[in-house]
Amino acid sequence: MKFLEKQMLTNRQLADSRIDFEATIQGNIDFNGTFFVDGTINGDLKGRSLEKTTAIIGMRGKLTGNLFCTNAIIAGTVWGDIHAKSLELQEGARVIGDLYYESLEINPAAEINGNFIIAENAIEDAHAADAASEQEALRVLSAAGKYR
């Protein structure tokens, strides 16, 4: 067993929550603690605001959506933007999206198709933009008479 496989197995066993390789989730997920993905998520994965959260996308993991967390370790595939204070792209990682980070570690075998954006407040800025988008949507719905 290679070092990366052993490390992923340990991370999987220590995770507070996990999606196993045969599972597919449709929709956004908010989480606390450590969240391990070896399955498929079609939606955003968000660590709760102002809490230390870690998302691990395992070698078989697939995320189609944006990722927001304090620490991110990617060994699988992400189709979306990643917002993390600490971001680690391991061997086999594939990211199609922009990376917003304070610290970054990239294995030479990782594949990235997107922009690298150093952000002092990667998480806080993402949550603020998310809240502003939600407020704008409510304003539009209210103006159209669809929300009261």
C-alpha atoms as a PDB file:
ATOM      1  CA  MET A   1       0.000   0.000   0.000  1.00  0.00           C
ATOM      2  CA  LYS A   2       1.424   3.383  -1.042  1.00  0.00           C
ATOM      3  CA  PHE A   3       1.939   6.179   1.484  1.00  0.00           C
ATOM      4  CA  LEU A   4      -0.884   8.274   0.004  1.00  0.00           C
ATOM      5  CA  GLU A   5      -3.307   5.341   0.251  1.00  0.00           C
ATOM      6  CA  LYS A   6      -2.353   4.774   3.911  1.00  0.00           C
ATOM      7  CA  GLN A   7      -2.748   8.476   4.667  1.00  0.00           C
ATOM      8  CA  MET A   8      -6.195   8.566   3.007  1.00  0.00           C
ATOM      9  CA  LEU A   9      -7.285   5.461   4.926  1.00  0.00           C
ATOM     10  CA  THR A  10      -6.236   7.090   8.202  1.00  0.00           C
ATOM     11  CA  ASN A  11      -8.013  10.340   7.280  1.00  0.00           C
ATOM     12  CA  ARG A  12     -11.148   8.383   6.374  1.00  0.00           C
ATOM     13  CA  GLN A  13     -11.161   6.520   9.688  1.00  0.00           C
ATOM     14  CA  LEU A  14     -10.675   9.718  11.721  1.00  0.00           C
ATOM     15  CA  ALA A  15     -13.338  11.786   9.903  1.00  0.00           C
ATOM     16  CA  ASP A  16     -16.404  13.014  11.800  1.00  0.00           C
ATOM     17  CA  SER A  17     -18.551  12.467   8.692  1.00  0.00           C
ATOM     18  CA  ARG A  18     -17.962  10.697   5.401  1.00  0.00           C
ATOM     19  CA  ILE A  19     -19.487   9.814   2.059  1.00  0.00           C
ATOM     20  CA  ASP A  20     -18.297   6.374   0.941  1.00  0.00           C
ATOM     21  CA  PHE A  21     -17.343   5.501  -2.627  1.00  0.00           C
ATOM     22  CA  GLU A  22     -20.661   3.940  -3.626  1.00  0.00           C
ATOM     23  CA  ALA A  23     -22.769   6.881  -2.415  1.00  0.00           C
ATOM     24  CA  THR A  24     -23.971   9.877  -4.442  1.00  0.00           C
ATOM     25  CA  ILE A  25     -25.445  12.949  -2.759  1.00  0.00           C
ATOM     26  CA  GLN A  26     -27.504  15.572  -4.616  1.00  0.00           C
ATOM     27  CA  GLY A  27     -27.615  18.963  -2.876  1.00  0.00           C
ATOM     28  CA  ASN A  28     -25.537  21.244  -0.694  1.00  0.00           C
ATOM     29  CA  ILE A  29     -23.944  19.999   2.531  1.00  0.00           C
ATOM     30  CA  ASP A  30     -22.967  22.067   5.588  1.00  0.00           C
ATOM     31  CA  PHE A  31     -20.599  20.340   7.988  1.00  0.00           C
ATOM     32  CA  ASN A  32     -18.595  20.649  11.195  1.00  0.00           C
ATOM     33  CA  GLY A  33     -15.275  19.002  12.014  1.00  0.00           C
ATOM     34  CA  THR A  34     -13.703  16.744   9.397  1.00  0.00           C
ATOM     35  CA  PHE A  35     -15.670  15.601   6.340  1.00  0.00           C
ATOM     36  CA  PHE A  36     -14.251  12.828   4.104  1.00  0.00           C
ATOM     37  CA  VAL A  37     -15.580  12.264   0.577  1.00  0.00           C
ATOM     38  CA  ASP A  38     -14.797   9.083  -1.347  1.00  0.00           C
ATOM     39  CA  GLY A  39     -18.162   9.121  -3.126  1.00  0.00           C
ATOM     40  CA  THR A  40     -19.858  11.778  -5.255  1.00  0.00           C
ATOM     41  CA  ILE A  41     -21.425  15.076  -4.192  1.00  0.00           C
ATOM     42  CA  ASN A  42     -23.366  17.183  -6.680  1.00  0.00           C
ATOM     43  CA  GLY A  43     -23.652  20.449  -4.766  1.00  0.00           C
ATOM     44  CA  ASP A  44     -21.605  22.765  -2.578  1.00  0.00           C
ATOM     45  CA  LEU A  45     -19.696  21.476   0.453  1.00  0.00           C
ATOM     46  CA  LYS A  46     -19.473  24.153   3.155  1.00  0.00           C
ATOM     47  CA  GLY A  47     -17.724  24.112   6.503  1.00  0.00           C
ATOM     48  CA  ARG A  48     -19.735  26.062   9.057  1.00  0.00           C
ATOM     49  CA  SER A  49     -18.750  29.696   9.286  1.00  0.00           C
ATOM     50  CA  LEU A  50     -16.037  30.686  11.783  1.00  0.00           C
ATOM     51  CA  GLU A  51     -15.329  27.084  12.806  1.00  0.00           C
ATOM     52  CA  LYS A  52     -12.250  25.009  12.081  1.00  0.00           C
ATOM     53  CA  THR A  53     -13.358  22.579   9.400  1.00  0.00           C
ATOM     54  CA  THR A  54     -11.460  20.142   7.199  1.00  0.00           C
ATOM     55  CA  ALA A  55     -12.708  18.670   3.931  1.00  0.00           C
ATOM     56  CA  ILE A  56     -10.878  15.706   2.427  1.00  0.00           C
ATOM     57  CA  ILE A  57     -11.717  14.623  -1.102  1.00  0.00           C
ATOM     58  CA  GLY A  58     -10.308  11.099  -1.320  1.00  0.00           C
ATOM     59  CA  MET A  59      -8.785   9.440  -4.371  1.00  0.00           C
ATOM     60  CA  ARG A  60     -12.203   8.157  -5.513  1.00  0.00           C
ATOM     61  CA  GLY A  61     -14.040  11.296  -4.386  1.00  0.00           C
ATOM     62  CA  LYS A  62     -15.831  13.649  -6.773  1.00  0.00           C
ATOM     63  CA  LEU A  63     -17.293  17.052  -5.952  1.00  0.00           C
ATOM     64  CA  THR A  64     -19.287  18.975  -8.537  1.00  0.00           C
ATOM     65  CA  GLY A  65     -19.787  22.244  -6.722  1.00  0.00           C
ATOM     66  CA  ASN A  66     -17.835  24.747  -4.674  1.00  0.00           C
ATOM     67  CA  LEU A  67     -15.879  23.895  -1.538  1.00  0.00           C
ATOM     68  CA  PHE A  68     -15.655  26.245   1.468  1.00  0.00           C
ATOM     69  CA  CYS A  69     -13.628  25.190   4.546  1.00  0.00           C
ATOM     70  CA  THR A  70     -10.673  26.039   6.758  1.00  0.00           C
ATOM     71  CA  ASN A  71      -8.472  23.161   5.529  1.00  0.00           C
ATOM     72  CA  ALA A  72      -8.854  21.242   2.283  1.00  0.00           C
ATOM     73  CA  ILE A  73      -6.974  18.125   1.220  1.00  0.00           C
ATOM     74  CA  ILE A  74      -7.728  17.051  -2.340  1.00  0.00           C
ATOM     75  CA  ALA A  75      -6.697  13.705  -3.844  1.00  0.00           C
ATOM     76  CA  GLY A  76      -9.786  13.254  -6.053  1.00  0.00           C
ATOM     77  CA  THR A  77     -11.712  15.477  -8.475  1.00  0.00           C
ATOM     78  CA  VAL A  78     -13.364  18.862  -7.901  1.00  0.00           C
ATOM     79  CA  TRP A  79     -15.391  20.665 -10.573  1.00  0.00           C
ATOM     80  CA  GLY A  80     -15.826  24.032  -8.873  1.00  0.00           C
ATOM     81  CA  ASP A  81     -14.012  26.705  -6.904  1.00  0.00           C
ATOM     82  CA  ILE A  82     -12.168  25.912  -3.679  1.00  0.00           C
ATOM     83  CA  HIS A  83     -12.054  28.480  -0.844  1.00  0.00           C
ATOM     84  CA  ALA A  84      -9.741  27.385   1.990  1.00  0.00           C
ATOM     85  CA  LYS A  85      -7.223  28.924   4.348  1.00  0.00           C
ATOM     86  CA  SER A  86      -4.947  25.906   3.880  1.00  0.00           C
ATOM     87  CA  LEU A  87      -5.149  23.936   0.633  1.00  0.00           C
ATOM     88  CA  GLU A  88      -3.245  20.759  -0.193  1.00  0.00           C
ATOM     89  CA  LEU A  89      -3.463  19.166  -3.642  1.00  0.00           C
ATOM     90  CA  GLN A  90      -2.105  15.640  -3.526  1.00  0.00           C
ATOM     91  CA  GLU A  91      -0.999  13.210  -6.208  1.00  0.00           C
ATOM     92  CA  GLY A  92      -3.963  12.426  -8.455  1.00  0.00           C
ATOM     93  CA  ALA A  93      -5.887  15.588  -7.542  1.00  0.00           C
ATOM     94  CA  ARG A  94      -7.813  17.135 -10.407  1.00  0.00           C
ATOM     95  CA  VAL A  95      -9.396  20.577 -10.005  1.00  0.00           C
ATOM     96  CA  ILE A  96     -11.389  22.420 -12.640  1.00  0.00           C
ATOM     97  CA  GLY A  97     -12.053  25.740 -10.947  1.00  0.00           C
ATOM     98  CA  ASP A  98     -10.404  28.645  -9.185  1.00  0.00           C
ATOM     99  CA  LEU A  99      -8.377  28.224  -5.993  1.00  0.00           C
ATOM    100  CA  TYR A 100      -8.749  30.816  -3.197  1.00  0.00           C
ATOM    101  CA  TYR A 101      -6.254  30.167  -0.406  1.00  0.00           C
ATOM    102  CA  GLU A 102      -3.921  31.595   2.207  1.00  0.00           C
ATOM    103  CA  SER A 103      -1.428  28.704   2.057  1.00  0.00           C
ATOM    104  CA  LEU A 104      -1.047  26.188  -0.748  1.00  0.00           C
ATOM    105  CA  GLU A 105       0.822  22.904  -1.216  1.00  0.00           C
ATOM    106  CA  ILE A 106       0.748  21.186  -4.616  1.00  0.00           C
ATOM    107  CA  ASN A 107       2.065  17.767  -5.567  1.00  0.00           C
ATOM    108  CA  PRO A 108       3.655  17.908  -9.053  1.00  0.00           C
ATOM    109  CA  ALA A 109       1.252  15.155 -10.202  1.00  0.00           C
ATOM    110  CA  ALA A 110      -1.848  17.258  -9.385  1.00  0.00           C
ATOM    111  CA  GLU A 111      -3.821  18.729 -12.305  1.00  0.00           C
ATOM    112  CA  ILE A 112      -5.322  22.224 -12.031  1.00  0.00           C
ATOM    113  CA  ASN A 113      -7.355  24.106 -14.622  1.00  0.00           C
ATOM    114  CA  GLY A 114      -8.203  27.449 -13.044  1.00  0.00           C
ATOM    115  CA  ASN A 115      -6.834  30.569 -11.423  1.00  0.00           C
ATOM    116  CA  PHE A 116      -4.692  30.762  -8.288  1.00  0.00           C
ATOM    117  CA  ILE A 117      -5.916  33.566  -6.026  1.00  0.00           C
ATOM    118  CA  ILE A 118      -4.119  34.339  -2.781  1.00  0.00           C
ATOM    119  CA  ALA A 119      -6.774  35.604  -0.376  1.00  0.00           C
ATOM    120  CA  GLU A 120      -6.058  36.727   3.177  1.00  0.00           C
ATOM    121  CA  ASN A 121      -9.645  35.983   4.175  1.00  0.00           C
ATOM    122  CA  ALA A 122     -10.517  33.182   1.747  1.00  0.00           C
ATOM    123  CA  ILE A 123     -13.333  31.778   3.906  1.00  0.00           C
ATOM    124  CA  GLU A 124     -14.786  35.008   5.276  1.00  0.00           C
ATOM    125  CA  ASP A 125     -14.876  36.636   1.810  1.00  0.00           C
ATOM    126  CA  ALA A 126     -16.656  33.596   0.336  1.00  0.00           C
ATOM    127  CA  HIS A 127     -19.277  33.564   3.117  1.00  0.00           C
ATOM    128  CA  ALA A 128     -19.832  37.333   2.735  1.00  0.00           C
ATOM    129  CA  ALA A 129     -20.335  36.947  -1.044  1.00  0.00           C
ATOM    130  CA  ASP A 130     -22.715  34.026  -0.414  1.00  0.00           C
ATOM    131  CA  ALA A 131     -24.771  36.102   2.059  1.00  0.00           C
ATOM    132  CA  ALA A 132     -24.881  39.056  -0.374  1.00  0.00           C
ATOM    133  CA  SER A 133     -26.112  36.758  -3.174  1.00  0.00           C
ATOM    134  CA  GLU A 134     -28.828  35.357  -0.908  1.00  0.00           C
ATOM    135  CA  GLN A 135     -29.969  38.868   0.082  1.00  0.00           C
ATOM    136  CA  GLU A 136     -30.093  39.912  -3.590  1.00  0.00           C
ATOM    137  CA  ALA A 137     -32.176  36.828  -4.461  1.00  0.00           C
ATOM    138  CA  LEU A 138     -34.634  37.640  -1.660  1.00  0.00           C
ATOM    139  CA  ARG A 139     -34.852  41.258  -2.864  1.00  0.00           C
ATOM    140  CA  VAL A 140     -35.657  40.112  -6.435  1.00  0.00           C
ATOM    141  CA  LEU A 141     -38.269  37.618  -5.210  1.00  0.00           C
ATOM    142  CA  SER A 142     -39.857  40.264  -2.970  1.00  0.00           C
ATOM    143  CA  ALA A 143     -40.022  42.731  -5.855  1.00  0.00           C
ATOM    144  CA  ALA A 144     -41.707  40.067  -7.997  1.00  0.00           C
ATOM    145  CA  GLY A 145     -44.198  39.315  -5.222  1.00  0.00           C
ATOM    146  CA  LYS A 146     -42.936  35.739  -4.807  1.00  0.00           C
ATOM    147  CA  TYR A 147     -41.492  36.121  -1.292  1.00  0.00           C
ATOM    148  CA  ARG A 148     -42.876  37.915   1.783  1.00  0.00           C
END
